[in-house]
Amino acid sequence: MGAMTEVRTAHTADLDEATRKAARALLWDVFEDDMAEHDWEHCLGGIHTLVWEGDELIGHAAVVQRRLLHADRALRTGYVEGVAVRAGRRRRGIAAAMMAELEGVIRRAYDLGALGASDEGAALYEARGWQRWQGPTFALAPTGTQRTEDEDGFIFVFPGEVPLDLTGSLTCDWRDGDAW
């Protein structure tokens, strides 16, 4: 990262309106047709790591609390959302710096970390010690537990002190939009 690059970490409640708007706009720029309003909503209510180059926001990532069910336990999970680096600024360690900040939050506040990875992001997470979930995934929907087989192989966990069986089932709490 360049000398004029600044990494800031703050809770959603501490972000001013201009910063929230800049983060939302960055996510829409980076993910284009793959971004929906519920995806932005999933980023809110937790800790954001923001990378600025001067007055321009060039990176965003957030961790929010969710409950994941595994091995008959409800685990307090730091779920990572909205990891994005502006085109032209990638491959400079920005995503790694943001993840380092969020991993520190996860270690201090949660039983484990989790995220849904894209094909492009998977290598970053694996290099940082995140582990691909190998078992079946589910979501606790209003109508009951639903299988989420489309997510199988794309969920990664950042283990903490709680023992995990990566081949066992993993169930997320319900939310509007994408369950994972």
N, C-alpha and C. Protein backbone atom coordinates (compact mmCIF):
# COMPACT_ATOMS: atom_id res chain seq x y z
N MET A 1 0.85 -1.18 0.00
CA MET A 1 0.00 0.00 0.00
C MET A 1 0.89 1.24 0.00
N GLY A 2 0.41 2.27 -0.64
CA GLY A 2 1.17 3.50 -0.77
C GLY A 2 1.24 4.30 0.51
N ALA A 3 2.15 5.27 0.56
CA ALA A 3 2.35 6.09 1.74
C ALA A 3 1.13 6.95 2.07
N MET A 4 0.31 7.27 1.07
CA MET A 4 -0.85 8.11 1.31
C MET A 4 -2.11 7.28 1.60
N THR A 5 -1.93 5.97 1.79
CA THR A 5 -3.06 5.08 2.05
C THR A 5 -3.31 5.02 3.54
N GLU A 6 -4.58 5.14 3.92
CA GLU A 6 -4.97 5.11 5.33
C GLU A 6 -6.03 4.03 5.53
N VAL A 7 -5.84 3.19 6.55
CA VAL A 7 -6.81 2.16 6.92
C VAL A 7 -7.54 2.63 8.16
N ARG A 8 -8.88 2.66 8.09
CA ARG A 8 -9.70 3.05 9.23
C ARG A 8 -10.67 1.92 9.56
N THR A 9 -10.91 1.72 10.84
CA THR A 9 -11.87 0.72 11.28
C THR A 9 -12.88 1.40 12.20
N ALA A 10 -14.17 1.17 11.94
CA ALA A 10 -15.22 1.82 12.74
C ALA A 10 -16.51 1.01 12.65
N HIS A 11 -17.32 1.14 13.68
CA HIS A 11 -18.65 0.53 13.68
C HIS A 11 -19.56 1.33 12.75
N THR A 12 -20.55 0.66 12.19
CA THR A 12 -21.51 1.34 11.31
C THR A 12 -22.05 2.61 11.96
N ALA A 13 -22.35 2.55 13.26
CA ALA A 13 -22.92 3.71 13.96
C ALA A 13 -21.98 4.91 13.97
N ASP A 14 -20.69 4.66 13.78
CA ASP A 14 -19.70 5.74 13.83
C ASP A 14 -19.31 6.26 12.45
N LEU A 15 -19.92 5.72 11.39
CA LEU A 15 -19.64 6.20 10.05
C LEU A 15 -20.58 7.35 9.72
N ASP A 16 -20.02 8.45 9.23
CA ASP A 16 -20.90 9.54 8.83
C ASP A 16 -21.58 9.19 7.51
N GLU A 17 -22.57 9.97 7.16
CA GLU A 17 -23.37 9.68 5.97
C GLU A 17 -22.52 9.64 4.71
N ALA A 18 -21.57 10.54 4.58
CA ALA A 18 -20.73 10.58 3.39
C ALA A 18 -19.89 9.30 3.27
N THR A 19 -19.39 8.80 4.37
CA THR A 19 -18.60 7.56 4.35
C THR A 19 -19.48 6.37 3.99
N ARG A 20 -20.68 6.30 4.58
CA ARG A 20 -21.60 5.20 4.24
C ARG A 20 -21.94 5.24 2.74
N LYS A 21 -22.20 6.43 2.22
CA LYS A 21 -22.51 6.56 0.79
C LYS A 21 -21.32 6.15 -0.07
N ALA A 22 -20.12 6.53 0.34
CA ALA A 22 -18.91 6.17 -0.43
C ALA A 22 -18.70 4.66 -0.41
N ALA A 23 -18.94 4.02 0.72
CA ALA A 23 -18.78 2.57 0.82
C ALA A 23 -19.80 1.86 -0.06
N ARG A 24 -21.04 2.30 0.02
CA ARG A 24 -22.10 1.70 -0.80
C ARG A 24 -21.77 1.86 -2.29
N ALA A 25 -21.35 3.04 -2.69
CA ALA A 25 -21.00 3.30 -4.09
C ALA A 25 -19.82 2.43 -4.54
N LEU A 26 -18.83 2.26 -3.68
CA LEU A 26 -17.69 1.41 -4.01
C LEU A 26 -18.14 -0.02 -4.29
N LEU A 27 -19.00 -0.54 -3.42
CA LEU A 27 -19.48 -1.91 -3.61
C LEU A 27 -20.24 -2.05 -4.93
N TRP A 28 -21.06 -1.06 -5.27
CA TRP A 28 -21.79 -1.12 -6.54
C TRP A 28 -20.81 -1.04 -7.72
N ASP A 29 -19.77 -0.21 -7.61
CA ASP A 29 -18.77 -0.11 -8.68
C ASP A 29 -18.02 -1.42 -8.87
N VAL A 30 -17.63 -2.05 -7.77
CA VAL A 30 -16.83 -3.26 -7.84
C VAL A 30 -17.65 -4.46 -8.30
N PHE A 31 -18.85 -4.63 -7.74
CA PHE A 31 -19.64 -5.83 -8.00
C PHE A 31 -20.66 -5.67 -9.12
N GLU A 32 -20.88 -4.45 -9.58
CA GLU A 32 -21.78 -4.14 -10.70
C GLU A 32 -23.10 -4.90 -10.61
N ASP A 33 -23.34 -5.82 -11.54
CA ASP A 33 -24.62 -6.52 -11.63
C ASP A 33 -24.82 -7.55 -10.52
N ASP A 34 -23.78 -7.83 -9.76
CA ASP A 34 -23.87 -8.82 -8.69
C ASP A 34 -24.23 -8.19 -7.34
N MET A 35 -24.52 -6.92 -7.31
CA MET A 35 -24.81 -6.19 -6.07
C MET A 35 -26.28 -5.83 -6.02
N ALA A 36 -26.89 -6.06 -4.87
CA ALA A 36 -28.29 -5.69 -4.65
C ALA A 36 -28.40 -4.97 -3.31
N GLU A 37 -29.50 -4.31 -3.10
CA GLU A 37 -29.68 -3.55 -1.86
C GLU A 37 -29.52 -4.43 -0.62
N HIS A 38 -30.03 -5.65 -0.66
CA HIS A 38 -29.88 -6.52 0.51
C HIS A 38 -28.41 -6.85 0.78
N ASP A 39 -27.57 -6.88 -0.27
CA ASP A 39 -26.14 -7.12 -0.05
C ASP A 39 -25.52 -5.98 0.76
N TRP A 40 -25.92 -4.76 0.48
CA TRP A 40 -25.45 -3.62 1.25
C TRP A 40 -25.97 -3.72 2.68
N GLU A 41 -27.24 -4.04 2.83
CA GLU A 41 -27.83 -4.19 4.18
C GLU A 41 -27.07 -5.22 5.01
N HIS A 42 -26.59 -6.27 4.38
CA HIS A 42 -25.84 -7.31 5.10
C HIS A 42 -24.54 -6.78 5.68
N CYS A 43 -24.02 -5.69 5.13
CA CYS A 43 -22.77 -5.10 5.61
C CYS A 43 -22.96 -4.21 6.84
N LEU A 44 -24.18 -3.85 7.15
CA LEU A 44 -24.45 -2.86 8.19
C LEU A 44 -24.63 -3.49 9.57
N GLY A 45 -24.29 -2.71 10.60
CA GLY A 45 -24.50 -3.15 11.97
C GLY A 45 -23.28 -3.78 12.61
N GLY A 46 -22.16 -3.71 11.94
CA GLY A 46 -20.94 -4.31 12.48
C GLY A 46 -19.75 -3.38 12.32
N ILE A 47 -18.59 -3.98 12.20
CA ILE A 47 -17.33 -3.24 12.10
C ILE A 47 -16.91 -3.19 10.63
N HIS A 48 -16.59 -1.99 10.17
CA HIS A 48 -16.13 -1.77 8.79
C HIS A 48 -14.64 -1.44 8.82
N THR A 49 -13.93 -1.97 7.85
CA THR A 49 -12.56 -1.53 7.61
C THR A 49 -12.58 -0.84 6.26
N LEU A 50 -12.10 0.38 6.25
CA LEU A 50 -12.13 1.24 5.07
C LEU A 50 -10.71 1.66 4.72
N VAL A 51 -10.37 1.60 3.46
CA VAL A 51 -9.05 2.02 3.02
C VAL A 51 -9.22 3.23 2.10
N TRP A 52 -8.55 4.28 2.49
CA TRP A 52 -8.62 5.56 1.77
C TRP A 52 -7.28 5.86 1.12
N GLU A 53 -7.32 6.39 -0.08
CA GLU A 53 -6.16 6.96 -0.74
C GLU A 53 -6.50 8.43 -0.93
N GLY A 54 -5.97 9.25 -0.05
CA GLY A 54 -6.39 10.65 -0.03
C GLY A 54 -7.86 10.71 0.35
N ASP A 55 -8.68 11.36 -0.49
CA ASP A 55 -10.11 11.47 -0.24
C ASP A 55 -10.94 10.38 -0.92
N GLU A 56 -10.27 9.44 -1.59
CA GLU A 56 -10.99 8.40 -2.33
C GLU A 56 -11.00 7.09 -1.54
N LEU A 57 -12.20 6.55 -1.36
CA LEU A 57 -12.34 5.24 -0.73
C LEU A 57 -12.00 4.19 -1.77
N ILE A 58 -10.97 3.38 -1.49
CA ILE A 58 -10.54 2.37 -2.45
C ILE A 58 -10.75 0.94 -1.96
N GLY A 59 -11.12 0.77 -0.67
CA GLY A 59 -11.36 -0.57 -0.15
C GLY A 59 -12.37 -0.57 0.97
N HIS A 60 -13.16 -1.63 1.04
CA HIS A 60 -14.15 -1.78 2.10
C HIS A 60 -14.29 -3.26 2.45
N ALA A 61 -14.47 -3.54 3.72
CA ALA A 61 -14.83 -4.87 4.21
C ALA A 61 -15.54 -4.67 5.54
N ALA A 62 -16.45 -5.58 5.87
CA ALA A 62 -17.18 -5.47 7.14
C ALA A 62 -17.30 -6.84 7.78
N VAL A 63 -17.45 -6.85 9.09
CA VAL A 63 -17.76 -8.07 9.82
C VAL A 63 -18.98 -7.78 10.68
N VAL A 64 -19.99 -8.65 10.57
CA VAL A 64 -21.23 -8.51 11.33
C VAL A 64 -21.47 -9.79 12.12
N GLN A 65 -22.23 -9.69 13.19
CA GLN A 65 -22.52 -10.89 13.97
C GLN A 65 -23.66 -11.69 13.36
N ARG A 66 -23.44 -12.99 13.30
CA ARG A 66 -24.48 -13.95 12.88
C ARG A 66 -24.36 -15.16 13.79
N ARG A 67 -25.35 -16.03 13.72
CA ARG A 67 -25.32 -17.31 14.43
C ARG A 67 -25.22 -18.41 13.38
N LEU A 68 -24.24 -19.27 13.55
CA LEU A 68 -24.13 -20.47 12.73
C LEU A 68 -24.32 -21.67 13.64
N LEU A 69 -25.03 -22.66 13.16
CA LEU A 69 -25.27 -23.88 13.91
C LEU A 69 -24.35 -24.97 13.38
N HIS A 70 -23.63 -25.59 14.32
CA HIS A 70 -22.72 -26.68 13.96
C HIS A 70 -22.55 -27.59 15.16
N ALA A 71 -22.68 -28.88 14.93
CA ALA A 71 -22.46 -29.89 15.97
C ALA A 71 -23.28 -29.58 17.23
N ASP A 72 -24.57 -29.28 17.01
CA ASP A 72 -25.51 -29.00 18.11
C ASP A 72 -25.13 -27.79 18.94
N ARG A 73 -24.43 -26.83 18.34
CA ARG A 73 -24.08 -25.58 19.02
C ARG A 73 -24.45 -24.39 18.15
N ALA A 74 -24.90 -23.33 18.79
CA ALA A 74 -25.11 -22.05 18.12
C ALA A 74 -23.86 -21.22 18.36
N LEU A 75 -23.13 -20.95 17.30
CA LEU A 75 -21.84 -20.28 17.41
C LEU A 75 -21.95 -18.81 17.05
N ARG A 76 -21.44 -17.97 17.94
CA ARG A 76 -21.38 -16.52 17.68
C ARG A 76 -20.31 -16.32 16.61
N THR A 77 -20.74 -15.85 15.45
CA THR A 77 -19.88 -15.82 14.28
C THR A 77 -19.68 -14.41 13.77
N GLY A 78 -18.44 -14.06 13.51
CA GLY A 78 -18.12 -12.83 12.81
C GLY A 78 -18.17 -13.13 11.32
N TYR A 79 -19.23 -12.66 10.66
CA TYR A 79 -19.45 -12.97 9.25
C TYR A 79 -18.95 -11.81 8.40
N VAL A 80 -18.04 -12.09 7.51
CA VAL A 80 -17.41 -11.05 6.69
C VAL A 80 -18.26 -10.78 5.45
N GLU A 81 -18.48 -9.51 5.18
CA GLU A 81 -19.32 -9.05 4.07
C GLU A 81 -18.62 -7.91 3.32
N GLY A 82 -18.98 -7.76 2.07
CA GLY A 82 -18.61 -6.57 1.30
C GLY A 82 -17.12 -6.32 1.15
N VAL A 83 -16.33 -7.37 0.91
CA VAL A 83 -14.89 -7.19 0.70
C VAL A 83 -14.71 -6.73 -0.74
N ALA A 84 -14.22 -5.51 -0.91
CA ALA A 84 -14.09 -4.94 -2.25
C ALA A 84 -12.91 -3.98 -2.30
N VAL A 85 -12.18 -4.07 -3.40
CA VAL A 85 -11.08 -3.13 -3.68
C VAL A 85 -11.31 -2.58 -5.07
N ARG A 86 -11.21 -1.29 -5.18
CA ARG A 86 -11.45 -0.61 -6.45
C ARG A 86 -10.50 -1.15 -7.54
N ALA A 87 -11.05 -1.33 -8.73
CA ALA A 87 -10.24 -1.78 -9.88
C ALA A 87 -9.07 -0.81 -10.05
N GLY A 88 -7.94 -1.34 -10.41
CA GLY A 88 -6.73 -0.52 -10.56
C GLY A 88 -5.94 -0.40 -9.28
N ARG A 89 -6.53 -0.80 -8.15
CA ARG A 89 -5.84 -0.76 -6.86
C ARG A 89 -5.62 -2.17 -6.29
N ARG A 90 -6.01 -3.17 -7.05
CA ARG A 90 -5.92 -4.55 -6.58
C ARG A 90 -4.48 -5.06 -6.68
N ARG A 91 -4.23 -6.13 -5.95
CA ARG A 91 -2.93 -6.81 -5.91
C ARG A 91 -1.85 -5.93 -5.28
N ARG A 92 -2.26 -5.07 -4.35
CA ARG A 92 -1.32 -4.21 -3.62
C ARG A 92 -1.36 -4.45 -2.11
N GLY A 93 -2.07 -5.50 -1.68
CA GLY A 93 -2.14 -5.81 -0.26
C GLY A 93 -3.29 -5.14 0.47
N ILE A 94 -4.16 -4.46 -0.26
CA ILE A 94 -5.27 -3.74 0.38
C ILE A 94 -6.26 -4.72 0.99
N ALA A 95 -6.68 -5.73 0.24
CA ALA A 95 -7.62 -6.72 0.79
C ALA A 95 -7.00 -7.44 1.97
N ALA A 96 -5.72 -7.77 1.89
CA ALA A 96 -5.04 -8.45 3.00
C ALA A 96 -5.01 -7.56 4.25
N ALA A 97 -4.78 -6.27 4.07
CA ALA A 97 -4.77 -5.35 5.23
C ALA A 97 -6.15 -5.26 5.85
N MET A 98 -7.19 -5.20 5.02
CA MET A 98 -8.55 -5.15 5.56
C MET A 98 -8.88 -6.45 6.29
N MET A 99 -8.52 -7.58 5.70
CA MET A 99 -8.81 -8.86 6.35
C MET A 99 -8.04 -9.00 7.65
N ALA A 100 -6.82 -8.52 7.73
CA ALA A 100 -6.05 -8.59 8.98
C ALA A 100 -6.79 -7.84 10.09
N GLU A 101 -7.34 -6.68 9.77
CA GLU A 101 -8.11 -5.92 10.76
C GLU A 101 -9.34 -6.72 11.21
N LEU A 102 -10.08 -7.25 10.26
CA LEU A 102 -11.30 -7.98 10.61
C LEU A 102 -11.00 -9.29 11.33
N GLU A 103 -9.93 -9.96 10.96
CA GLU A 103 -9.55 -11.19 11.66
C GLU A 103 -9.21 -10.91 13.12
N GLY A 104 -8.61 -9.76 13.39
CA GLY A 104 -8.36 -9.38 14.78
C GLY A 104 -9.66 -9.21 15.56
N VAL A 105 -10.64 -8.58 14.93
CA VAL A 105 -11.96 -8.43 15.55
C VAL A 105 -12.57 -9.81 15.80
N ILE A 106 -12.50 -10.68 14.81
CA ILE A 106 -13.06 -12.03 14.94
C ILE A 106 -12.40 -12.77 16.09
N ARG A 107 -11.07 -12.74 16.16
CA ARG A 107 -10.36 -13.44 17.24
C ARG A 107 -10.78 -12.95 18.62
N ARG A 108 -11.01 -11.66 18.74
CA ARG A 108 -11.31 -11.07 20.06
C ARG A 108 -12.78 -11.15 20.45
N ALA A 109 -13.70 -11.32 19.47
CA ALA A 109 -15.12 -11.17 19.79
C ALA A 109 -16.01 -12.35 19.42
N TYR A 110 -15.51 -13.31 18.65
CA TYR A 110 -16.39 -14.35 18.11
C TYR A 110 -15.83 -15.74 18.32
N ASP A 111 -16.71 -16.74 18.22
CA ASP A 111 -16.28 -18.14 18.27
C ASP A 111 -15.53 -18.54 17.01
N LEU A 112 -15.91 -17.96 15.88
CA LEU A 112 -15.27 -18.23 14.61
C LEU A 112 -15.65 -17.13 13.63
N GLY A 113 -14.96 -17.12 12.51
CA GLY A 113 -15.31 -16.25 11.41
C GLY A 113 -15.86 -17.08 10.28
N ALA A 114 -16.65 -16.48 9.41
CA ALA A 114 -17.16 -17.17 8.24
C ALA A 114 -17.42 -16.15 7.14
N LEU A 115 -17.46 -16.64 5.92
CA LEU A 115 -17.76 -15.79 4.76
C LEU A 115 -18.12 -16.67 3.58
N GLY A 116 -18.81 -16.08 2.64
CA GLY A 116 -19.08 -16.71 1.36
C GLY A 116 -18.12 -16.11 0.35
N ALA A 117 -17.31 -16.94 -0.28
CA ALA A 117 -16.26 -16.45 -1.17
C ALA A 117 -16.64 -16.58 -2.64
N SER A 118 -16.15 -15.67 -3.42
CA SER A 118 -16.23 -15.80 -4.88
C SER A 118 -15.03 -16.64 -5.32
N ASP A 119 -15.07 -17.10 -6.57
CA ASP A 119 -13.91 -17.83 -7.10
C ASP A 119 -12.66 -16.95 -7.03
N GLU A 120 -12.83 -15.67 -7.33
CA GLU A 120 -11.71 -14.73 -7.34
C GLU A 120 -11.12 -14.51 -5.94
N GLY A 121 -11.97 -14.48 -4.91
CA GLY A 121 -11.50 -14.21 -3.56
C GLY A 121 -11.00 -15.41 -2.79
N ALA A 122 -11.33 -16.62 -3.24
CA ALA A 122 -11.00 -17.83 -2.48
C ALA A 122 -9.50 -17.95 -2.18
N ALA A 123 -8.65 -17.65 -3.14
CA ALA A 123 -7.20 -17.79 -2.93
C ALA A 123 -6.70 -16.87 -1.82
N LEU A 124 -7.23 -15.66 -1.76
CA LEU A 124 -6.84 -14.73 -0.69
C LEU A 124 -7.18 -15.33 0.67
N TYR A 125 -8.40 -15.82 0.82
CA TYR A 125 -8.83 -16.34 2.11
C TYR A 125 -8.03 -17.58 2.50
N GLU A 126 -7.82 -18.48 1.56
CA GLU A 126 -7.04 -19.68 1.85
C GLU A 126 -5.62 -19.32 2.27
N ALA A 127 -5.01 -18.34 1.60
CA ALA A 127 -3.64 -17.92 1.94
C ALA A 127 -3.57 -17.32 3.35
N ARG A 128 -4.70 -16.81 3.84
CA ARG A 128 -4.73 -16.19 5.17
C ARG A 128 -5.14 -17.18 6.26
N GLY A 129 -5.33 -18.45 5.92
CA GLY A 129 -5.66 -19.45 6.93
C GLY A 129 -7.14 -19.76 7.06
N TRP A 130 -7.97 -19.15 6.22
CA TRP A 130 -9.38 -19.50 6.21
C TRP A 130 -9.50 -20.89 5.60
N GLN A 131 -10.46 -21.67 6.09
CA GLN A 131 -10.63 -23.04 5.62
C GLN A 131 -11.96 -23.21 4.91
N ARG A 132 -11.91 -23.89 3.77
CA ARG A 132 -13.12 -24.13 2.98
C ARG A 132 -13.99 -25.15 3.72
N TRP A 133 -15.27 -24.81 3.90
CA TRP A 133 -16.21 -25.75 4.53
C TRP A 133 -16.51 -26.85 3.52
N GLN A 134 -16.32 -28.10 3.94
CA GLN A 134 -16.47 -29.23 3.03
C GLN A 134 -17.81 -29.93 3.16
N GLY A 135 -18.51 -29.69 4.24
CA GLY A 135 -19.80 -30.36 4.47
C GLY A 135 -20.95 -29.62 3.85
N PRO A 136 -22.16 -30.15 4.03
CA PRO A 136 -23.36 -29.50 3.47
C PRO A 136 -23.73 -28.24 4.23
N THR A 137 -24.33 -27.29 3.51
CA THR A 137 -24.77 -26.03 4.13
C THR A 137 -26.29 -25.93 4.09
N PHE A 138 -26.81 -25.20 5.09
CA PHE A 138 -28.25 -25.02 5.26
C PHE A 138 -28.51 -23.60 5.74
N ALA A 139 -29.78 -23.21 5.70
CA ALA A 139 -30.23 -21.93 6.27
C ALA A 139 -31.50 -22.19 7.07
N LEU A 140 -31.61 -21.52 8.21
CA LEU A 140 -32.82 -21.59 9.03
C LEU A 140 -33.82 -20.58 8.46
N ALA A 141 -34.69 -21.03 7.59
CA ALA A 141 -35.67 -20.17 6.93
C ALA A 141 -36.93 -20.07 7.79
N PRO A 142 -37.77 -19.08 7.54
CA PRO A 142 -39.04 -18.98 8.28
C PRO A 142 -39.90 -20.23 8.16
N THR A 143 -39.73 -20.97 7.08
CA THR A 143 -40.52 -22.19 6.86
C THR A 143 -39.81 -23.45 7.33
N GLY A 144 -38.63 -23.31 7.93
CA GLY A 144 -37.86 -24.46 8.41
C GLY A 144 -36.48 -24.47 7.79
N THR A 145 -35.71 -25.46 8.13
CA THR A 145 -34.35 -25.57 7.62
C THR A 145 -34.37 -25.91 6.13
N GLN A 146 -33.59 -25.14 5.36
CA GLN A 146 -33.50 -25.34 3.91
C GLN A 146 -32.07 -25.64 3.52
N ARG A 147 -31.91 -26.58 2.65
CA ARG A 147 -30.59 -26.90 2.10
C ARG A 147 -30.15 -25.78 1.17
N THR A 148 -28.87 -25.40 1.24
CA THR A 148 -28.30 -24.34 0.39
C THR A 148 -27.14 -24.91 -0.43
N GLU A 149 -27.43 -25.94 -1.21
CA GLU A 149 -26.37 -26.65 -1.94
C GLU A 149 -25.60 -25.76 -2.91
N ASP A 150 -26.21 -24.69 -3.40
CA ASP A 150 -25.48 -23.78 -4.29
C ASP A 150 -24.31 -23.10 -3.60
N GLU A 151 -24.35 -23.06 -2.28
CA GLU A 151 -23.27 -22.42 -1.50
C GLU A 151 -22.17 -23.40 -1.12
N ASP A 152 -22.44 -24.70 -1.25
CA ASP A 152 -21.44 -25.70 -0.89
C ASP A 152 -20.14 -25.44 -1.64
N GLY A 153 -19.03 -25.46 -0.93
CA GLY A 153 -17.72 -25.22 -1.52
C GLY A 153 -17.32 -23.76 -1.58
N PHE A 154 -18.25 -22.85 -1.27
CA PHE A 154 -17.95 -21.42 -1.32
C PHE A 154 -17.92 -20.78 0.07
N ILE A 155 -18.23 -21.54 1.11
CA ILE A 155 -18.22 -21.03 2.47
C ILE A 155 -16.86 -21.33 3.10
N PHE A 156 -16.27 -20.30 3.71
CA PHE A 156 -14.99 -20.44 4.39
C PHE A 156 -15.17 -20.07 5.85
N VAL A 157 -14.38 -20.73 6.71
CA VAL A 157 -14.42 -20.41 8.13
C VAL A 157 -13.02 -20.06 8.61
N PHE A 158 -12.98 -19.22 9.62
CA PHE A 158 -11.75 -18.81 10.28
C PHE A 158 -11.87 -19.34 11.71
N PRO A 159 -11.30 -20.55 11.95
CA PRO A 159 -11.54 -21.21 13.23
C PRO A 159 -11.00 -20.43 14.42
N GLY A 160 -11.71 -20.57 15.53
CA GLY A 160 -11.29 -20.01 16.80
C GLY A 160 -11.03 -21.16 17.75
N GLU A 161 -11.51 -21.01 18.98
CA GLU A 161 -11.30 -22.03 20.00
C GLU A 161 -12.27 -23.20 19.91
N VAL A 162 -13.40 -23.02 19.25
CA VAL A 162 -14.43 -24.06 19.17
C VAL A 162 -14.00 -25.11 18.14
N PRO A 163 -14.01 -26.39 18.51
CA PRO A 163 -13.66 -27.42 17.53
C PRO A 163 -14.70 -27.50 16.41
N LEU A 164 -14.22 -27.66 15.19
CA LEU A 164 -15.09 -27.73 14.02
C LEU A 164 -14.81 -29.01 13.24
N ASP A 165 -15.85 -29.61 12.74
CA ASP A 165 -15.74 -30.72 11.80
C ASP A 165 -16.08 -30.15 10.43
N LEU A 166 -15.08 -29.86 9.63
CA LEU A 166 -15.29 -29.19 8.35
C LEU A 166 -16.12 -30.02 7.37
N THR A 167 -16.33 -31.30 7.67
CA THR A 167 -17.15 -32.14 6.81
C THR A 167 -18.58 -32.26 7.33
N GLY A 168 -18.85 -31.70 8.49
CA GLY A 168 -20.19 -31.74 9.07
C GLY A 168 -21.09 -30.69 8.43
N SER A 169 -22.31 -30.62 8.92
CA SER A 169 -23.24 -29.63 8.38
C SER A 169 -23.02 -28.27 9.06
N LEU A 170 -23.36 -27.22 8.33
CA LEU A 170 -23.25 -25.85 8.83
C LEU A 170 -24.51 -25.12 8.41
N THR A 171 -25.18 -24.51 9.38
CA THR A 171 -26.46 -23.84 9.14
C THR A 171 -26.36 -22.39 9.56
N CYS A 172 -26.78 -21.49 8.68
CA CYS A 172 -26.76 -20.06 9.00
C CYS A 172 -28.14 -19.59 9.43
N ASP A 173 -28.17 -18.49 10.16
CA ASP A 173 -29.43 -17.85 10.52
C ASP A 173 -30.03 -17.22 9.26
N TRP A 174 -31.32 -16.91 9.32
CA TRP A 174 -32.04 -16.38 8.16
C TRP A 174 -31.86 -14.88 8.03
N ARG A 175 -31.86 -14.41 6.80
CA ARG A 175 -31.87 -12.99 6.47
C ARG A 175 -32.43 -12.84 5.08
N ASP A 176 -32.93 -11.66 4.76
CA ASP A 176 -33.43 -11.40 3.42
C ASP A 176 -32.28 -11.44 2.42
N GLY A 177 -32.59 -11.77 1.18
CA GLY A 177 -31.55 -11.85 0.16
C GLY A 177 -30.83 -13.18 0.25
N ASP A 178 -29.55 -13.14 -0.09
CA ASP A 178 -28.75 -14.36 -0.04
C ASP A 178 -28.57 -14.81 1.39
N ALA A 179 -28.85 -16.08 1.66
CA ALA A 179 -28.71 -16.60 3.03
C ALA A 179 -27.26 -16.54 3.48
N TRP A 180 -26.36 -16.88 2.62
CA TRP A 180 -24.94 -16.86 2.94
C TRP A 180 -24.30 -15.61 2.37
